PDB file of N, CA and C in Angstrom:
ATOM      1  N   MET A   1      18.149  82.122 100.631  1.00  0.00           N
ATOM      2  CA  MET A   1      19.471  81.633 100.322  1.00  0.00           C
ATOM      3  C   MET A   1      19.770  81.920  98.839  1.00  0.00           C
ATOM      4  N   ASN A   2      20.971  82.380  98.590  1.00  0.00           N
ATOM      5  CA  ASN A   2      21.284  82.642  97.188  1.00  0.00           C
ATOM      6  C   ASN A   2      21.752  81.390  96.479  1.00  0.00           C
ATOM      7  N   GLU A   3      21.962  81.524  95.190  1.00  0.00           N
ATOM      8  CA  GLU A   3      22.270  80.377  94.351  1.00  0.00           C
ATOM      9  C   GLU A   3      23.601  79.702  94.722  1.00  0.00           C
ATOM     10  N   LYS A   4      24.599  80.526  95.056  1.00  0.00           N
ATOM     11  CA  LYS A   4      25.898  79.984  95.401  1.00  0.00           C
ATOM     12  C   LYS A   4      25.848  79.120  96.681  1.00  0.00           C
ATOM     13  N   GLU A   5      25.107  79.555  97.669  1.00  0.00           N
ATOM     14  CA  GLU A   5      24.958  78.794  98.908  1.00  0.00           C
ATOM     15  C   GLU A   5      24.229  77.480  98.653  1.00  0.00           C
ATOM     16  N   LEU A   6      23.217  77.522  97.808  1.00  0.00           N
ATOM     17  CA  LEU A   6      22.484  76.273  97.480  1.00  0.00           C
ATOM     18  C   LEU A   6      23.396  75.311  96.752  1.00  0.00           C
ATOM     19  N   ARG A   7      24.200  75.806  95.860  1.00  0.00           N
ATOM     20  CA  ARG A   7      25.144  74.983  95.097  1.00  0.00           C
ATOM     21  C   ARG A   7      26.151  74.317  96.014  1.00  0.00           C
ATOM     22  N   ILE A   8      26.728  75.084  96.914  1.00  0.00           N
ATOM     23  CA  ILE A   8      27.719  74.552  97.854  1.00  0.00           C
ATOM     24  C   ILE A   8      27.079  73.518  98.769  1.00  0.00           C
ATOM     25  N   ARG A   9      25.910  73.808  99.250  1.00  0.00           N
ATOM     26  CA  ARG A   9      25.213  72.842 100.132  1.00  0.00           C
ATOM     27  C   ARG A   9      24.954  71.553  99.394  1.00  0.00           C
ATOM     28  N   TYR A  10      24.486  71.627  98.148  1.00  0.00           N
ATOM     29  CA  TYR A  10      24.175  70.434  97.381  1.00  0.00           C
ATOM     30  C   TYR A  10      25.450  69.617  97.116  1.00  0.00           C
ATOM     31  N   ILE A  11      26.549  70.276  96.783  1.00  0.00           N
ATOM     32  CA  ILE A  11      27.791  69.583  96.515  1.00  0.00           C
ATOM     33  C   ILE A  11      28.270  68.871  97.801  1.00  0.00           C
ATOM     34  N   ARG A  12      28.168  69.547  98.928  1.00  0.00           N
ATOM     35  CA  ARG A  12      28.608  68.952 100.194  1.00  0.00           C
ATOM     36  C   ARG A  12      27.769  67.719 100.543  1.00  0.00           C
ATOM     37  N   VAL A  13      26.473  67.800 100.269  1.00  0.00           N
ATOM     38  CA  VAL A  13      25.594  66.656 100.533  1.00  0.00           C
ATOM     39  C   VAL A  13      25.971  65.460  99.649  1.00  0.00           C
ATOM     40  N   LEU A  14      26.236  65.765  98.364  1.00  0.00           N
ATOM     41  CA  LEU A  14      26.643  64.691  97.450  1.00  0.00           C
ATOM     42  C   LEU A  14      27.930  64.014  97.905  1.00  0.00           C
ATOM     43  N   GLU A  15      28.918  64.835  98.278  1.00  0.00           N
ATOM     44  CA  GLU A  15      30.199  64.296  98.696  1.00  0.00           C
ATOM     45  C   GLU A  15      30.054  63.520 100.012  1.00  0.00           C
ATOM     46  N   LYS A  16      29.226  64.006 100.894  1.00  0.00           N
ATOM     47  CA  LYS A  16      29.003  63.308 102.182  1.00  0.00           C
ATOM     48  C   LYS A  16      28.401  61.919 101.930  1.00  0.00           C
ATOM     49  N   PHE A  17      27.393  61.889 101.042  1.00  0.00           N
ATOM     50  CA  PHE A  17      26.745  60.617 100.718  1.00  0.00           C
ATOM     51  C   PHE A  17      27.756  59.629 100.124  1.00  0.00           C
ATOM     52  N   SER A  18      28.565  60.116  99.160  1.00  0.00           N
ATOM     53  CA  SER A  18      29.522  59.188  98.523  1.00  0.00           C
ATOM     54  C   SER A  18      30.599  58.735  99.499  1.00  0.00           C
ATOM     55  N   LYS A  19      31.093  59.612 100.356  1.00  0.00           N
ATOM     56  CA  LYS A  19      32.143  59.239 101.318  1.00  0.00           C
ATOM     57  C   LYS A  19      31.612  58.181 102.297  1.00  0.00           C
ATOM     58  N   ARG A  20      30.407  58.384 102.781  1.00  0.00           N
ATOM     59  CA  ARG A  20      29.817  57.415 103.710  1.00  0.00           C
ATOM     60  C   ARG A  20      29.650  56.045 103.034  1.00  0.00           C
ATOM     61  N   SER A  21      29.166  56.035 101.798  1.00  0.00           N
ATOM     62  CA  SER A  21      28.934  54.797 101.072  1.00  0.00           C
ATOM     63  C   SER A  21      30.280  54.090 100.790  1.00  0.00           C
ATOM     64  N   ILE A  22      31.289  54.839 100.405  1.00  0.00           N
ATOM     65  CA  ILE A  22      32.582  54.261 100.115  1.00  0.00           C
ATOM     66  C   ILE A  22      33.175  53.651 101.382  1.00  0.00           C
ATOM     67  N   ALA A  23      33.027  54.372 102.504  1.00  0.00           N
ATOM     68  CA  ALA A  23      33.563  53.858 103.767  1.00  0.00           C
ATOM     69  C   ALA A  23      32.901  52.533 104.130  1.00  0.00           C
ATOM     70  N   LEU A  24      31.591  52.430 103.890  1.00  0.00           N
ATOM     71  CA  LEU A  24      30.891  51.174 104.184  1.00  0.00           C
ATOM     72  C   LEU A  24      31.343  50.056 103.259  1.00  0.00           C
ATOM     73  N   LEU A  25      31.607  50.387 101.979  1.00  0.00           N
ATOM     74  CA  LEU A  25      32.040  49.367 101.034  1.00  0.00           C
ATOM     75  C   LEU A  25      33.434  48.842 101.354  1.00  0.00           C
ATOM     76  N   LYS A  26      34.265  49.676 101.932  1.00  0.00           N
ATOM     77  CA  LYS A  26      35.652  49.294 102.213  1.00  0.00           C
ATOM     78  C   LYS A  26      35.822  48.503 103.510  1.00  0.00           C
ATOM     79  N   LEU A  27      34.777  48.381 104.278  1.00  0.00           N
ATOM     80  CA  LEU A  27      34.884  47.638 105.553  1.00  0.00           C
ATOM     81  C   LEU A  27      35.256  46.186 105.304  1.00  0.00           C
ATOM     82  N   SER A  28      36.124  45.663 106.162  1.00  0.00           N
ATOM     83  CA  SER A  28      36.527  44.253 105.983  1.00  0.00           C
ATOM     84  C   SER A  28      35.377  43.300 106.338  1.00  0.00           C
ATOM     85  N   ASP A  29      34.542  43.675 107.283  1.00  0.00           N
ATOM     86  CA  ASP A  29      33.379  42.846 107.618  1.00  0.00           C
ATOM     87  C   ASP A  29      32.130  43.443 106.974  1.00  0.00           C
ATOM     88  N   PHE A  30      32.170  43.551 105.668  1.00  0.00           N
ATOM     89  CA  PHE A  30      31.096  44.145 104.903  1.00  0.00           C
ATOM     90  C   PHE A  30      29.808  43.325 105.044  1.00  0.00           C
ATOM     91  N   ASP A  31      28.699  44.010 105.327  1.00  0.00           N
ATOM     92  CA  ASP A  31      27.385  43.398 105.430  1.00  0.00           C
ATOM     93  C   ASP A  31      26.437  44.146 104.531  1.00  0.00           C
ATOM     94  N   PHE A  32      25.854  43.443 103.552  1.00  0.00           N
ATOM     95  CA  PHE A  32      25.008  44.082 102.547  1.00  0.00           C
ATOM     96  C   PHE A  32      23.785  44.745 103.197  1.00  0.00           C
ATOM     97  N   GLU A  33      23.158  44.066 104.140  1.00  0.00           N
ATOM     98  CA  GLU A  33      21.931  44.607 104.752  1.00  0.00           C
ATOM     99  C   GLU A  33      22.230  45.921 105.477  1.00  0.00           C
ATOM    100  N   ARG A  34      23.325  45.971 106.193  1.00  0.00           N
ATOM    101  CA  ARG A  34      23.710  47.191 106.878  1.00  0.00           C
ATOM    102  C   ARG A  34      24.019  48.294 105.856  1.00  0.00           C
ATOM    103  N   PHE A  35      24.696  47.920 104.777  1.00  0.00           N
ATOM    104  CA  PHE A  35      25.032  48.874 103.704  1.00  0.00           C
ATOM    105  C   PHE A  35      23.725  49.432 103.111  1.00  0.00           C
ATOM    106  N   LYS A  36      22.801  48.565 102.870  1.00  0.00           N
ATOM    107  CA  LYS A  36      21.533  48.950 102.242  1.00  0.00           C
ATOM    108  C   LYS A  36      20.762  49.934 103.140  1.00  0.00           C
ATOM    109  N   ILE A  37      20.655  49.596 104.415  1.00  0.00           N
ATOM    110  CA  ILE A  37      19.887  50.425 105.385  1.00  0.00           C
ATOM    111  C   ILE A  37      20.556  51.808 105.504  1.00  0.00           C
ATOM    112  N   ARG A  38      21.868  51.837 105.686  1.00  0.00           N
ATOM    113  CA  ARG A  38      22.568  53.103 105.854  1.00  0.00           C
ATOM    114  C   ARG A  38      22.546  53.955 104.608  1.00  0.00           C
ATOM    115  N   THR A  39      22.651  53.315 103.463  1.00  0.00           N
ATOM    116  CA  THR A  39      22.620  54.055 102.209  1.00  0.00           C
ATOM    117  C   THR A  39      21.238  54.670 101.998  1.00  0.00           C
ATOM    118  N   GLN A  40      20.199  53.932 102.294  1.00  0.00           N
ATOM    119  CA  GLN A  40      18.849  54.495 102.153  1.00  0.00           C
ATOM    120  C   GLN A  40      18.629  55.646 103.139  1.00  0.00           C
ATOM    121  N   LYS A  41      19.152  55.547 104.314  1.00  0.00           N
ATOM    122  CA  LYS A  41      19.065  56.626 105.320  1.00  0.00           C
ATOM    123  C   LYS A  41      19.834  57.870 104.821  1.00  0.00           C
ATOM    124  N   ASN A  42      21.016  57.635 104.275  1.00  0.00           N
ATOM    125  CA  ASN A  42      21.804  58.746 103.729  1.00  0.00           C
ATOM    126  C   ASN A  42      21.105  59.382 102.513  1.00  0.00           C
ATOM    127  N   TYR A  43      20.435  58.554 101.744  1.00  0.00           N
ATOM    128  CA  TYR A  43      19.715  59.053 100.580  1.00  0.00           C
ATOM    129  C   TYR A  43      18.561  59.948 100.999  1.00  0.00           C
ATOM    130  N   GLU A  44      17.903  59.599 102.085  1.00  0.00           N
ATOM    131  CA  GLU A  44      16.819  60.419 102.593  1.00  0.00           C
ATOM    132  C   GLU A  44      17.328  61.813 102.990  1.00  0.00           C
ATOM    133  N   GLU A  45      18.504  61.830 103.614  1.00  0.00           N
ATOM    134  CA  GLU A  45      19.138  63.118 103.972  1.00  0.00           C
ATOM    135  C   GLU A  45      19.509  63.900 102.739  1.00  0.00           C
ATOM    136  N   MET A  46      19.959  63.191 101.707  1.00  0.00           N
ATOM    137  CA  MET A  46      20.390  63.827 100.476  1.00  0.00           C
ATOM    138  C   MET A  46      19.188  64.468  99.757  1.00  0.00           C
ATOM    139  N   LYS A  47      18.053  63.810  99.832  1.00  0.00           N
ATOM    140  CA  LYS A  47      16.859  64.325  99.147  1.00  0.00           C
ATOM    141  C   LYS A  47      16.406  65.642  99.724  1.00  0.00           C
ATOM    142  N   LYS A  48      16.750  65.941 100.977  1.00  0.00           N
ATOM    143  CA  LYS A  48      16.336  67.183 101.600  1.00  0.00           C
ATOM    144  C   LYS A  48      17.013  68.399 100.974  1.00  0.00           C
ATOM    145  N   ALA A  49      18.174  68.223 100.399  1.00  0.00           N
ATOM    146  CA  ALA A  49      18.902  69.329  99.780  1.00  0.00           C
ATOM    147  C   ALA A  49      18.279  69.635  98.410  1.00  0.00           C
ATOM    148  N   GLU A  50      18.201  70.888  98.082  1.00  0.00           N
ATOM    149  CA  GLU A  50      17.635  71.286  96.791  1.00  0.00           C
ATOM    150  C   GLU A  50      18.634  70.994  95.692  1.00  0.00           C
ATOM    151  N   GLU A  51      18.177  70.363  94.632  1.00  0.00           N
ATOM    152  CA  GLU A  51      19.021  69.961  93.540  1.00  0.00           C
ATOM    153  C   GLU A  51      19.390  71.155  92.662  1.00  0.00           C
ATOM    154  N   VAL A  52      20.649  71.244  92.260  1.00  0.00           N
ATOM    155  CA  VAL A  52      21.147  72.303  91.399  1.00  0.00           C
ATOM    156  C   VAL A  52      21.846  71.698  90.214  1.00  0.00           C
ATOM    157  N   THR A  53      21.986  72.453  89.130  1.00  0.00           N
ATOM    158  CA  THR A  53      22.716  71.958  87.976  1.00  0.00           C
ATOM    159  C   THR A  53      24.191  71.944  88.241  1.00  0.00           C
ATOM    160  N   LEU A  54      24.860  70.905  87.791  1.00  0.00           N
ATOM    161  CA  LEU A  54      26.278  70.729  88.010  1.00  0.00           C
ATOM    162  C   LEU A  54      27.003  70.825  86.660  1.00  0.00           C
ATOM    163  N   THR A  55      28.153  71.529  86.650  1.00  0.00           N
ATOM    164  CA  THR A  55      28.852  71.732  85.374  1.00  0.00           C
ATOM    165  C   THR A  55      30.226  71.023  85.363  1.00  0.00           C
ATOM    166  N   SER A  56      30.840  70.871  86.510  1.00  0.00           N
ATOM    167  CA  SER A  56      32.160  70.260  86.575  1.00  0.00           C
ATOM    168  C   SER A  56      32.090  68.762  86.234  1.00  0.00           C
ATOM    169  N   SER A  57      33.124  68.284  85.545  1.00  0.00           N
ATOM    170  CA  SER A  57      33.121  66.852  85.177  1.00  0.00           C
ATOM    171  C   SER A  57      33.186  65.965  86.410  1.00  0.00           C
ATOM    172  N   TYR A  58      33.909  66.425  87.450  1.00  0.00           N
ATOM    173  CA  TYR A  58      33.959  65.652  88.712  1.00  0.00           C
ATOM    174  C   TYR A  58      32.588  65.544  89.324  1.00  0.00           C
ATOM    175  N   LEU A  59      31.866  66.654  89.388  1.00  0.00           N
ATOM    176  CA  LEU A  59      30.561  66.647  90.045  1.00  0.00           C
ATOM    177  C   LEU A  59      29.552  65.837  89.241  1.00  0.00           C
ATOM    178  N   ILE A  60      29.628  65.898  87.952  1.00  0.00           N
ATOM    179  CA  ILE A  60      28.743  65.086  87.106  1.00  0.00           C
ATOM    180  C   ILE A  60      29.004  63.624  87.336  1.00  0.00           C
ATOM    181  N   ASN A  61      30.303  63.253  87.406  1.00  0.00           N
ATOM    182  CA  ASN A  61      30.657  61.846  87.679  1.00  0.00           C
ATOM    183  C   ASN A  61      30.267  61.423  89.067  1.00  0.00           C
ATOM    184  N   LEU A  62      30.348  62.358  90.022  1.00  0.00           N
ATOM    185  CA  LEU A  62      29.917  62.063  91.398  1.00  0.00           C
ATOM    186  C   LEU A  62      28.431  61.743  91.428  1.00  0.00           C
ATOM    187  N   LYS A  63      27.648  62.513  90.704  1.00  0.00           N
ATOM    188  CA  LYS A  63      26.213  62.257  90.664  1.00  0.00           C
ATOM    189  C   LYS A  63      25.918  60.910  89.994  1.00  0.00           C
ATOM    190  N   LYS A  64      26.641  60.580  88.933  1.00  0.00           N
ATOM    191  CA  LYS A  64      26.469  59.289  88.270  1.00  0.00           C
ATOM    192  C   LYS A  64      26.844  58.143  89.209  1.00  0.00           C
ATOM    193  N   PHE A  65      27.894  58.347  90.004  1.00  0.00           N
ATOM    194  CA  PHE A  65      28.328  57.334  90.953  1.00  0.00           C
ATOM    195  C   PHE A  65      27.242  57.077  92.007  1.00  0.00           C
ATOM    196  N   ILE A  66      26.641  58.155  92.478  1.00  0.00           N
ATOM    197  CA  ILE A  66      25.555  58.010  93.450  1.00  0.00           C
ATOM    198  C   ILE A  66      24.368  57.255  92.844  1.00  0.00           C
ATOM    199  N   GLU A  67      24.052  57.567  91.598  1.00  0.00           N
ATOM    200  CA  GLU A  67      22.975  56.839  90.919  1.00  0.00           C
ATOM    201  C   GLU A  67      23.331  55.369  90.752  1.00  0.00           C
ATOM    202  N   LEU A  68      24.598  55.095  90.499  1.00  0.00           N
ATOM    203  CA  LEU A  68      25.058  53.699  90.368  1.00  0.00           C
ATOM    204  C   LEU A  68      24.894  52.967  91.694  1.00  0.00           C
ATOM    205  N   ILE A  69      25.224  53.630  92.801  1.00  0.00           N
ATOM    206  CA  ILE A  69      25.054  53.013  94.129  1.00  0.00           C
ATOM    207  C   ILE A  69      23.597  52.664  94.368  1.00  0.00           C
ATOM    208  N   LEU A  70      22.705  53.609  94.070  1.00  0.00           N
ATOM    209  CA  LEU A  70      21.289  53.380  94.301  1.00  0.00           C
ATOM    210  C   LEU A  70      20.726  52.269  93.399  1.00  0.00           C
ATOM    211  N   ARG A  71      21.209  52.247  92.160  1.00  0.00           N
ATOM    212  CA  ARG A  71      20.754  51.164  91.254  1.00  0.00           C
ATOM    213  C   ARG A  71      21.247  49.825  91.718  1.00  0.00           C
ATOM    214  N   SER A  72      22.514  49.764  92.192  1.00  0.00           N
ATOM    215  CA  SER A  72      23.063  48.476  92.600  1.00  0.00           C
ATOM    216  C   SER A  72      22.394  47.941  93.862  1.00  0.00           C
ATOM    217  N   ILE A  73      21.868  48.808  94.700  1.00  0.00           N
ATOM    218  CA  ILE A  73      21.145  48.365  95.879  1.00  0.00           C
ATOM    219  C   ILE A  73      19.829  47.694  95.493  1.00  0.00           C
ATOM    220  N   HIS A  74      19.150  48.217  94.489  1.00  0.00           N
ATOM    221  CA  HIS A  74      17.866  47.665  94.071  1.00  0.00           C
ATOM    222  C   HIS A  74      18.012  46.457  93.148  1.00  0.00           C
ATOM    223  N   ASN A  75      19.032  46.466  92.292  1.00  0.00           N
ATOM    224  CA  ASN A  75      19.263  45.382  91.327  1.00  0.00           C
ATOM    225  C   ASN A  75      20.604  44.757  91.631  1.00  0.00           C
ATOM    226  N   HIS A  76      20.629  43.789  92.498  1.00  0.00           N
ATOM    227  CA  HIS A  76      21.897  43.202  92.894  1.00  0.00           C
ATOM    228  C   HIS A  76      21.836  41.681  92.771  1.00  0.00           C
ATOM    229  N   SER A  77      23.029  41.084  92.797  1.00  0.00           N
ATOM    230  CA  SER A  77      23.117  39.640  92.779  1.00  0.00           C
ATOM    231  C   SER A  77      22.959  39.115  94.194  1.00  0.00           C
ATOM    232  N   LYS A  78      23.053  37.822  94.342  1.00  0.00           N
ATOM    233  CA  LYS A  78      22.835  37.224  95.659  1.00  0.00           C
ATOM    234  C   LYS A  78      23.935  37.584  96.662  1.00  0.00           C
ATOM    235  N   THR A  79      25.195  37.575  96.197  1.00  0.00           N
ATOM    236  CA  THR A  79      26.311  37.845  97.095  1.00  0.00           C
ATOM    237  C   THR A  79      26.740  39.291  97.143  1.00  0.00           C
ATOM    238  N   PHE A  80      26.388  40.084  96.153  1.00  0.00           N
ATOM    239  CA  PHE A  80      26.712  41.507  96.029  1.00  0.00           C
ATOM    240  C   PHE A  80      28.214  41.745  95.853  1.00  0.00           C
ATOM    241  N   GLU A  81      29.013  40.687  95.623  1.00  0.00           N
ATOM    242  CA  GLU A  81      30.465  40.855  95.447  1.00  0.00           C
ATOM    243  C   GLU A  81      30.803  41.568  94.159  1.00  0.00           C
ATOM    244  N   ASN A  82      30.159  41.219  93.069  1.00  0.00           N
ATOM    245  CA  ASN A  82      30.449  41.890  91.772  1.00  0.00           C
ATOM    246  C   ASN A  82      30.094  43.367  91.849  1.00  0.00           C
ATOM    247  N   GLU A  83      28.961  43.670  92.447  1.00  0.00           N
ATOM    248  CA  GLU A  83      28.523  45.058  92.563  1.00  0.00           C
ATOM    249  C   GLU A  83      29.475  45.851  93.446  1.00  0.00           C
ATOM    250  N   ARG A  84      29.908  45.191  94.539  1.00  0.00           N
ATOM    251  CA  ARG A  84      30.842  45.854  95.477  1.00  0.00           C
ATOM    252  C   ARG A  84      32.150  46.171  94.762  1.00  0.00           C
ATOM    253  N   ASP A  85      32.684  45.221  94.012  1.00  0.00           N
ATOM    254  CA  ASP A  85      33.920  45.462  93.270  1.00  0.00           C
ATOM    255  C   ASP A  85      33.753  46.575  92.244  1.00  0.00           C
ATOM    256  N   THR A  86      32.643  46.592  91.547  1.00  0.00           N
ATOM    257  CA  THR A  86      32.379  47.643  90.597  1.00  0.00           C
ATOM    258  C   THR A  86      32.291  49.017  91.246  1.00  0.00           C
ATOM    259  N   LEU A  87      31.581  49.062  92.375  1.00  0.00           N
ATOM    260  CA  LEU A  87      31.437  50.353  93.081  1.00  0.00           C
ATOM    261  C   LEU A  87      32.782  50.841  93.617  1.00  0.00           C
ATOM    262  N   LEU A  88      33.617  49.937  94.118  1.00  0.00           N
ATOM    263  CA  LEU A  88      34.941  50.345  94.609  1.00  0.00           C
ATOM    264  C   LEU A  88      35.821  50.838  93.460  1.00  0.00           C
ATOM    265  N   LYS A  89      35.715  50.201  92.321  1.00  0.00           N
ATOM    266  CA  LYS A  89      36.487  50.632  91.159  1.00  0.00           C
ATOM    267  C   LYS A  89      36.023  52.011  90.727  1.00  0.00           C
ATOM    268  N   GLU A  90      34.729  52.230  90.640  1.00  0.00           N
ATOM    269  CA  GLU A  90      34.201  53.552  90.259  1.00  0.00           C
ATOM    270  C   GLU A  90      34.593  54.614  91.275  1.00  0.00           C
ATOM    271  N   ALA A  91      34.638  54.239  92.557  1.00  0.00           N
ATOM    272  CA  ALA A  91      35.042  55.193  93.591  1.00  0.00           C
ATOM    273  C   ALA A  91      36.486  55.603  93.403  1.00  0.00           C
ATOM    274  N   ASN A  92      37.361  54.667  93.038  1.00  0.00           N
ATOM    275  CA  ASN A  92      38.736  54.987  92.772  1.00  0.00           C
ATOM    276  C   ASN A  92      38.890  55.911  91.565  1.00  0.00           C
ATOM    277  N   LEU A  93      38.138  55.599  90.511  1.00  0.00           N
ATOM    278  CA  LEU A  93      38.180  56.477  89.328  1.00  0.00           C
ATOM    279  C   LEU A  93      37.661  57.875  89.650  1.00  0.00           C
ATOM    280  N   LEU A  94      36.641  57.950  90.496  1.00  0.00           N
ATOM    281  CA  LEU A  94      36.119  59.253  90.883  1.00  0.00           C
ATOM    282  C   LEU A  94      37.136  60.038  91.691  1.00  0.00           C
ATOM    283  N   GLN A  95      37.868  59.348  92.566  1.00  0.00           N
ATOM    284  CA  GLN A  95      38.914  60.018  93.341  1.00  0.00           C
ATOM    285  C   GLN A  95      40.019  60.498  92.436  1.00  0.00           C
ATOM    286  N   LYS A  96      40.377  59.726  91.427  1.00  0.00           N
ATOM    287  CA  LYS A  96      41.375  60.148  90.449  1.00  0.00           C
ATOM    288  C   LYS A  96      40.935  61.416  89.737  1.00  0.00           C
ATOM    289  N   GLU A  97      39.663  61.439  89.357  1.00  0.00           N
ATOM    290  CA  GLU A  97      39.090  62.605  88.676  1.00  0.00           C
ATOM    291  C   GLU A  97      39.183  63.852  89.572  1.00  0.00           C
ATOM    292  N   LYS A  98      38.901  63.683  90.835  1.00  0.00           N
ATOM    293  CA  LYS A  98      38.948  64.806  91.764  1.00  0.00           C
ATOM    294  C   LYS A  98      40.361  65.311  91.956  1.00  0.00           C
ATOM    295  N   ASN A  99      41.329  64.413  92.049  1.00  0.00           N
ATOM    296  CA  ASN A  99      42.722  64.780  92.267  1.00  0.00           C
ATOM    297  C   ASN A  99      43.480  65.194  91.028  1.00  0.00           C
ATOM    298  N   ARG A 100      42.866  64.995  89.873  1.00  0.00           N
ATOM    299  CA  ARG A 100      43.565  65.250  88.615  1.00  0.00           C
ATOM    300  C   ARG A 100      44.039  66.702  88.532  1.00  0.00           C
ATOM    301  N   ASN A 101      43.218  67.627  88.978  1.00  0.00           N
ATOM    302  CA  ASN A 101      43.598  69.042  88.878  1.00  0.00           C
ATOM    303  C   ASN A 101      44.622  69.450  89.929  1.00  0.00           C
ATOM    304  N   ASN A 102      44.771  68.695  90.975  1.00  0.00           N
ATOM    305  CA  ASN A 102      45.678  69.081  92.039  1.00  0.00           C
ATOM    306  C   ASN A 102      47.145  68.781  91.717  1.00  0.00           C
ATOM    307  N   TYR A 103      47.391  67.852  90.808  1.00  0.00           N
ATOM    308  CA  TYR A 103      48.745  67.395  90.592  1.00  0.00           C
ATOM    309  C   TYR A 103      49.295  67.771  89.214  1.00  0.00           C
ATOM    310  N   LYS A 104      48.938  68.932  88.728  1.00  0.00           N
ATOM    311  CA  LYS A 104      49.478  69.360  87.431  1.00  0.00           C
ATOM    312  C   LYS A 104      50.916  69.803  87.628  1.00  0.00           C
ATOM    313  N   LYS A 105      51.776  69.305  86.773  1.00  0.00           N
ATOM    314  CA  LYS A 105      53.197  69.629  86.863  1.00  0.00           C
ATOM    315  C   LYS A 105      53.432  70.924  86.111  1.00  0.00           C
ATOM    316  N   ASP A 106      54.199  71.802  86.706  1.00  0.00           N
ATOM    317  CA  ASP A 106      54.567  73.067  86.050  1.00  0.00           C
ATOM    318  C   ASP A 106      55.761  72.809  85.163  1.00  0.00           C
ATOM    319  N   LYS A 107      55.506  72.579  83.859  1.00  0.00           N
ATOM    320  CA  LYS A 107      56.560  72.232  82.917  1.00  0.00           C
ATOM    321  C   LYS A 107      57.420  73.462  82.600  1.00  0.00           C
ATOM    322  N   HIS A 108      58.650  73.228  82.438  1.00  0.00           N
ATOM    323  CA  HIS A 108      59.618  74.256  82.025  1.00  0.00           C
ATOM    324  C   HIS A 108      59.658  75.438  82.964  1.00  0.00           C
ATOM    325  N   LYS A 109      59.507  75.231  84.255  1.00  0.00           N
ATOM    326  CA  LYS A 109      59.530  76.341  85.203  1.00  0.00           C
ATOM    327  C   LYS A 109      60.926  76.926  85.324  1.00  0.00           C
ATOM    328  N   HIS A 110      61.942  76.164  85.010  1.00  0.00           N
ATOM    329  CA  HIS A 110      63.298  76.684  85.117  1.00  0.00           C
ATOM    330  C   HIS A 110      63.633  77.578  83.928  1.00  0.00           C
ATOM    331  N   LYS A 111      62.838  77.599  82.863  1.00  0.00           N
ATOM    332  CA  LYS A 111      63.097  78.421  81.686  1.00  0.00           C
ATOM    333  C   LYS A 111      62.371  79.759  81.731  1.00  0.00           C
ATOM    334  N   LYS A 112      61.649  80.062  82.828  1.00  0.00           N
ATOM    335  CA  LYS A 112      60.974  81.337  82.917  1.00  0.00           C
ATOM    336  C   LYS A 112      61.984  82.471  82.962  1.00  0.00           C
ATOM    337  N   PHE A 113      61.602  83.557  82.377  1.00  0.00           N
ATOM    338  CA  PHE A 113      62.488  84.713  82.315  1.00  0.00           C
ATOM    339  C   PHE A 113      62.616  85.378  83.685  1.00  0.00           C
ATOM    340  N   ASP A 114      63.827  85.581  84.127  1.00  0.00           N
ATOM    341  CA  ASP A 114      64.084  86.270  85.397  1.00  0.00           C
ATOM    342  C   ASP A 114      65.202  87.299  85.145  1.00  0.00           C
ATOM    343  N   ASP A 115      64.839  88.576  85.154  1.00  0.00           N
ATOM    344  CA  ASP A 115      65.823  89.595  84.866  1.00  0.00           C
ATOM    345  C   ASP A 115      66.614  90.053  86.073  1.00  0.00           C
ATOM    346  N   GLY A 116      66.380  89.485  87.246  1.00  0.00           N
ATOM    347  CA  GLY A 116      67.185  89.800  88.413  1.00  0.00           C
ATOM    348  C   GLY A 116      66.618  90.906  89.290  1.00  0.00           C
ATOM    349  N   TYR A 117      65.584  91.560  88.912  1.00  0.00           N
ATOM    350  CA  TYR A 117      65.040  92.665  89.738  1.00  0.00           C
ATOM    351  C   TYR A 117      64.033  92.170  90.722  1.00  0.00           C
TER     352      TYR A 117
END
């Protein structure tokens, strides 16, 4: 496998892990034990992918978010409410980072030169 394929596979695995974790955090009937078991299972799948260096700010933040999830599972309070709120906030910030490049406004587009040809 070449380097580009490894990179794409690693990025997909990271995004899959984060999407699954975020979906579990957003459930109305959130259960910490179920979250912990599923996150550890997803982490085992993630470890199978070969790690590559990441350069994009979004991908770096994604990796930090995953590390935050893993840390919060091991070092948590009794109710896990504070950690859950923090993780959901970080997930929203991560989504904003991902969408930031998609919504750039083309300023002054009406002032572009058009000679009629």
